[in-house]
Amino acid sequence: MAAADKIMFEIYREAGYDQKFRVVYFTELDEHNKHNEINRAMSGEHFFDGFIKELGAERGKARINEFIQRLNDGEKLTPEEVEAGLSETGVLAD
């Protein structure tokens, strides 16, 4: 799979007051928001990262958003559970 066929992402927990879980799609950033988004992610606590297939991007992003909502609702998920959930949808890329 070519690099252009994948979307690189990271799920992280924000540093600071509210400590919400967020996702950043690195390969979709443009010059206007690239530095701010990368700095925000780097200052947070890493939770999970990977690549989703461009072909299944909509489905993959929806699944990632479900995991983020569950995490922000207080559910204790592991990175392995997130990986398994993404793998079962067939959107996780190598």
N, C-alpha and C. Protein backbone atom coordinates (compact mmCIF):
# COMPACT_ATOMS: atom_id res chain seq x y z
N MET A 1 0.85 -1.17 0.00
CA MET A 1 0.00 0.00 0.00
C MET A 1 0.89 1.24 0.00
N ALA A 2 0.67 2.13 -0.92
CA ALA A 2 1.46 3.35 -1.04
C ALA A 2 1.10 4.32 0.08
N ALA A 3 2.05 5.16 0.43
CA ALA A 3 1.84 6.14 1.51
C ALA A 3 0.64 7.04 1.21
N ALA A 4 0.41 7.34 -0.06
CA ALA A 4 -0.71 8.21 -0.43
C ALA A 4 -2.06 7.53 -0.23
N ASP A 5 -2.06 6.21 -0.05
CA ASP A 5 -3.29 5.45 0.14
C ASP A 5 -3.65 5.30 1.62
N LYS A 6 -2.87 5.94 2.50
CA LYS A 6 -3.06 5.81 3.94
C LYS A 6 -3.18 7.19 4.59
N ILE A 7 -3.89 7.22 5.69
CA ILE A 7 -4.01 8.43 6.50
C ILE A 7 -3.40 8.14 7.86
N MET A 8 -2.37 8.89 8.21
CA MET A 8 -1.69 8.72 9.50
C MET A 8 -2.44 9.50 10.58
N PHE A 9 -2.68 8.84 11.72
CA PHE A 9 -3.40 9.50 12.80
C PHE A 9 -2.80 9.17 14.15
N GLU A 10 -3.17 9.99 15.13
CA GLU A 10 -2.80 9.72 16.52
C GLU A 10 -3.98 10.09 17.41
N ILE A 11 -4.28 9.21 18.34
CA ILE A 11 -5.23 9.51 19.40
C ILE A 11 -4.39 9.88 20.62
N TYR A 12 -4.70 11.00 21.21
CA TYR A 12 -3.94 11.46 22.37
C TYR A 12 -4.88 12.09 23.39
N ARG A 13 -4.38 12.22 24.59
CA ARG A 13 -5.12 12.90 25.65
C ARG A 13 -4.49 14.27 25.86
N GLU A 14 -5.32 15.30 25.80
CA GLU A 14 -4.82 16.66 25.96
C GLU A 14 -4.15 16.86 27.31
N ALA A 15 -3.12 17.67 27.30
CA ALA A 15 -2.51 18.12 28.55
C ALA A 15 -3.36 19.28 29.06
N GLY A 16 -3.30 19.54 30.31
CA GLY A 16 -4.01 20.70 30.84
C GLY A 16 -5.28 20.33 31.58
N TYR A 17 -6.19 21.26 31.62
CA TYR A 17 -7.35 21.19 32.49
C TYR A 17 -8.33 20.06 32.17
N ASP A 18 -8.89 20.04 30.96
CA ASP A 18 -9.97 19.08 30.69
C ASP A 18 -9.50 17.70 30.27
N GLN A 19 -8.29 17.57 29.79
CA GLN A 19 -7.67 16.29 29.44
C GLN A 19 -8.57 15.39 28.60
N LYS A 20 -9.20 15.96 27.61
CA LYS A 20 -10.04 15.21 26.68
C LYS A 20 -9.18 14.43 25.70
N PHE A 21 -9.72 13.31 25.25
CA PHE A 21 -9.07 12.56 24.19
C PHE A 21 -9.42 13.20 22.86
N ARG A 22 -8.45 13.26 21.97
CA ARG A 22 -8.62 13.86 20.65
C ARG A 22 -7.87 13.03 19.62
N VAL A 23 -8.17 13.30 18.37
CA VAL A 23 -7.45 12.64 17.28
C VAL A 23 -6.92 13.72 16.34
N VAL A 24 -5.77 13.45 15.78
CA VAL A 24 -5.22 14.33 14.74
C VAL A 24 -4.86 13.43 13.56
N TYR A 25 -5.27 13.85 12.38
CA TYR A 25 -4.96 13.15 11.13
C TYR A 25 -3.81 13.91 10.47
N PHE A 26 -2.60 13.46 10.73
CA PHE A 26 -1.41 14.19 10.31
C PHE A 26 -1.34 14.41 8.80
N THR A 27 -1.70 13.41 8.03
CA THR A 27 -1.57 13.52 6.58
C THR A 27 -2.64 14.40 5.96
N GLU A 28 -3.59 14.89 6.74
CA GLU A 28 -4.62 15.78 6.22
C GLU A 28 -4.42 17.23 6.66
N LEU A 29 -3.35 17.49 7.39
CA LEU A 29 -3.09 18.86 7.86
C LEU A 29 -2.56 19.70 6.70
N ASP A 30 -2.91 20.99 6.73
CA ASP A 30 -2.37 21.91 5.72
C ASP A 30 -1.47 22.93 6.41
N GLU A 31 -0.92 23.81 5.65
CA GLU A 31 0.03 24.80 6.19
C GLU A 31 -0.59 25.70 7.25
N HIS A 32 -1.91 25.90 7.20
CA HIS A 32 -2.55 26.80 8.15
C HIS A 32 -2.68 26.22 9.54
N ASN A 33 -2.82 24.90 9.63
CA ASN A 33 -3.05 24.32 10.95
C ASN A 33 -2.00 23.28 11.36
N LYS A 34 -1.06 23.00 10.49
CA LYS A 34 -0.10 21.93 10.73
C LYS A 34 0.67 22.11 12.05
N HIS A 35 1.29 23.22 12.26
CA HIS A 35 2.14 23.42 13.43
C HIS A 35 1.33 23.41 14.73
N ASN A 36 0.17 24.07 14.73
CA ASN A 36 -0.65 24.10 15.95
C ASN A 36 -1.14 22.71 16.33
N GLU A 37 -1.63 21.96 15.36
CA GLU A 37 -2.16 20.63 15.64
C GLU A 37 -1.07 19.66 16.08
N ILE A 38 0.07 19.72 15.44
CA ILE A 38 1.18 18.84 15.82
C ILE A 38 1.68 19.19 17.22
N ASN A 39 1.83 20.46 17.52
CA ASN A 39 2.27 20.89 18.85
C ASN A 39 1.27 20.47 19.92
N ARG A 40 -0.01 20.60 19.60
CA ARG A 40 -1.06 20.21 20.54
C ARG A 40 -0.98 18.71 20.85
N ALA A 41 -0.82 17.91 19.81
CA ALA A 41 -0.72 16.46 19.99
C ALA A 41 0.54 16.09 20.75
N MET A 42 1.66 16.74 20.42
CA MET A 42 2.93 16.41 21.05
C MET A 42 2.95 16.78 22.53
N SER A 43 2.19 17.80 22.92
CA SER A 43 2.16 18.19 24.32
C SER A 43 1.21 17.32 25.13
N GLY A 44 0.39 16.52 24.45
CA GLY A 44 -0.54 15.63 25.13
C GLY A 44 0.09 14.28 25.42
N GLU A 45 -0.73 13.39 25.95
CA GLU A 45 -0.30 12.04 26.30
C GLU A 45 -0.71 11.08 25.17
N HIS A 46 0.27 10.45 24.56
CA HIS A 46 0.01 9.52 23.47
C HIS A 46 -0.86 8.36 23.94
N PHE A 47 -1.85 7.97 23.13
CA PHE A 47 -2.68 6.82 23.45
C PHE A 47 -2.58 5.73 22.38
N PHE A 48 -2.75 6.10 21.12
CA PHE A 48 -2.70 5.13 20.03
C PHE A 48 -2.43 5.87 18.72
N ASP A 49 -1.67 5.24 17.84
CA ASP A 49 -1.47 5.83 16.51
C ASP A 49 -1.45 4.73 15.47
N GLY A 50 -1.61 5.14 14.25
CA GLY A 50 -1.60 4.17 13.17
C GLY A 50 -1.98 4.82 11.85
N PHE A 51 -2.36 3.97 10.93
CA PHE A 51 -2.78 4.40 9.61
C PHE A 51 -4.12 3.76 9.29
N ILE A 52 -5.01 4.52 8.69
CA ILE A 52 -6.23 3.93 8.15
C ILE A 52 -6.16 4.04 6.63
N LYS A 53 -6.83 3.12 5.98
CA LYS A 53 -6.85 3.11 4.52
C LYS A 53 -7.66 4.28 3.99
N GLU A 54 -7.13 4.94 2.99
CA GLU A 54 -7.83 6.06 2.36
C GLU A 54 -9.20 5.60 1.85
N LEU A 55 -9.24 4.40 1.31
CA LEU A 55 -10.47 3.86 0.74
C LEU A 55 -11.56 3.72 1.80
N GLY A 56 -11.20 3.39 3.02
CA GLY A 56 -12.17 3.24 4.11
C GLY A 56 -12.13 4.38 5.10
N ALA A 57 -11.67 5.55 4.67
CA ALA A 57 -11.43 6.66 5.60
C ALA A 57 -12.68 7.08 6.35
N GLU A 58 -13.79 7.19 5.68
CA GLU A 58 -15.01 7.65 6.34
C GLU A 58 -15.42 6.66 7.45
N ARG A 59 -15.38 5.40 7.14
CA ARG A 59 -15.73 4.36 8.11
C ARG A 59 -14.70 4.33 9.26
N GLY A 60 -13.42 4.46 8.91
CA GLY A 60 -12.37 4.47 9.92
C GLY A 60 -12.47 5.65 10.86
N LYS A 61 -12.71 6.82 10.32
CA LYS A 61 -12.84 8.02 11.15
C LYS A 61 -14.06 7.94 12.05
N ALA A 62 -15.14 7.36 11.54
CA ALA A 62 -16.34 7.19 12.37
C ALA A 62 -16.05 6.27 13.54
N ARG A 63 -15.31 5.20 13.29
CA ARG A 63 -14.96 4.25 14.35
C ARG A 63 -14.02 4.90 15.37
N ILE A 64 -13.05 5.67 14.90
CA ILE A 64 -12.14 6.38 15.80
C ILE A 64 -12.93 7.36 16.66
N ASN A 65 -13.87 8.08 16.07
CA ASN A 65 -14.69 9.02 16.83
C ASN A 65 -15.52 8.31 17.90
N GLU A 66 -16.00 7.10 17.59
CA GLU A 66 -16.72 6.31 18.59
C GLU A 66 -15.82 6.00 19.79
N PHE A 67 -14.58 5.58 19.50
CA PHE A 67 -13.65 5.28 20.58
C PHE A 67 -13.34 6.52 21.40
N ILE A 68 -13.14 7.65 20.76
CA ILE A 68 -12.85 8.89 21.48
C ILE A 68 -14.03 9.27 22.37
N GLN A 69 -15.24 9.13 21.87
CA GLN A 69 -16.42 9.44 22.68
C GLN A 69 -16.49 8.54 23.91
N ARG A 70 -16.24 7.27 23.70
CA ARG A 70 -16.26 6.31 24.82
C ARG A 70 -15.18 6.66 25.86
N LEU A 71 -13.98 6.99 25.38
CA LEU A 71 -12.90 7.38 26.29
C LEU A 71 -13.26 8.64 27.07
N ASN A 72 -13.82 9.62 26.37
CA ASN A 72 -14.20 10.87 27.02
C ASN A 72 -15.39 10.71 27.95
N ASP A 73 -16.17 9.65 27.75
CA ASP A 73 -17.28 9.34 28.66
C ASP A 73 -16.80 8.57 29.89
N GLY A 74 -15.48 8.28 29.96
CA GLY A 74 -14.91 7.63 31.13
C GLY A 74 -14.66 6.14 30.99
N GLU A 75 -14.99 5.58 29.83
CA GLU A 75 -14.75 4.14 29.65
C GLU A 75 -13.25 3.88 29.60
N LYS A 76 -12.82 2.82 30.26
CA LYS A 76 -11.40 2.46 30.31
C LYS A 76 -11.10 1.51 29.16
N LEU A 77 -10.63 2.03 28.05
CA LEU A 77 -10.23 1.23 26.90
C LEU A 77 -8.71 1.16 26.85
N THR A 78 -8.21 0.09 26.29
CA THR A 78 -6.77 -0.04 26.09
C THR A 78 -6.46 0.23 24.62
N PRO A 79 -5.22 0.59 24.33
CA PRO A 79 -4.83 0.74 22.93
C PRO A 79 -5.07 -0.56 22.13
N GLU A 80 -4.91 -1.69 22.77
CA GLU A 80 -5.13 -2.97 22.09
C GLU A 80 -6.60 -3.15 21.70
N GLU A 81 -7.50 -2.67 22.53
CA GLU A 81 -8.93 -2.74 22.20
C GLU A 81 -9.27 -1.83 21.03
N VAL A 82 -8.64 -0.67 20.98
CA VAL A 82 -8.85 0.24 19.85
C VAL A 82 -8.33 -0.39 18.57
N GLU A 83 -7.13 -0.95 18.64
CA GLU A 83 -6.55 -1.61 17.47
C GLU A 83 -7.43 -2.75 16.98
N ALA A 84 -7.92 -3.56 17.89
CA ALA A 84 -8.78 -4.68 17.51
C ALA A 84 -10.08 -4.19 16.88
N GLY A 85 -10.65 -3.13 17.43
CA GLY A 85 -11.88 -2.56 16.88
C GLY A 85 -11.70 -2.00 15.49
N LEU A 86 -10.56 -1.36 15.26
CA LEU A 86 -10.27 -0.83 13.92
C LEU A 86 -9.95 -1.96 12.95
N SER A 87 -9.24 -2.97 13.42
CA SER A 87 -8.89 -4.10 12.56
C SER A 87 -10.12 -4.85 12.09
N GLU A 88 -11.10 -5.01 12.98
CA GLU A 88 -12.29 -5.77 12.61
C GLU A 88 -13.13 -5.06 11.55
N THR A 89 -12.97 -3.75 11.43
CA THR A 89 -13.70 -3.02 10.39
C THR A 89 -12.96 -3.05 9.05
N GLY A 90 -11.71 -3.52 9.08
CA GLY A 90 -10.93 -3.61 7.85
C GLY A 90 -10.34 -2.30 7.37
N VAL A 91 -10.29 -1.28 8.22
CA VAL A 91 -9.79 0.03 7.79
C VAL A 91 -8.37 0.30 8.23
N LEU A 92 -7.85 -0.50 9.15
CA LEU A 92 -6.49 -0.28 9.64
C LEU A 92 -5.50 -0.73 8.59
N ALA A 93 -4.55 0.13 8.27
CA ALA A 93 -3.54 -0.17 7.25
C ALA A 93 -2.22 -0.53 7.91
N ASP A 94 -1.41 -1.28 7.21
CA ASP A 94 -0.07 -1.65 7.70
C ASP A 94 0.88 -0.51 7.55
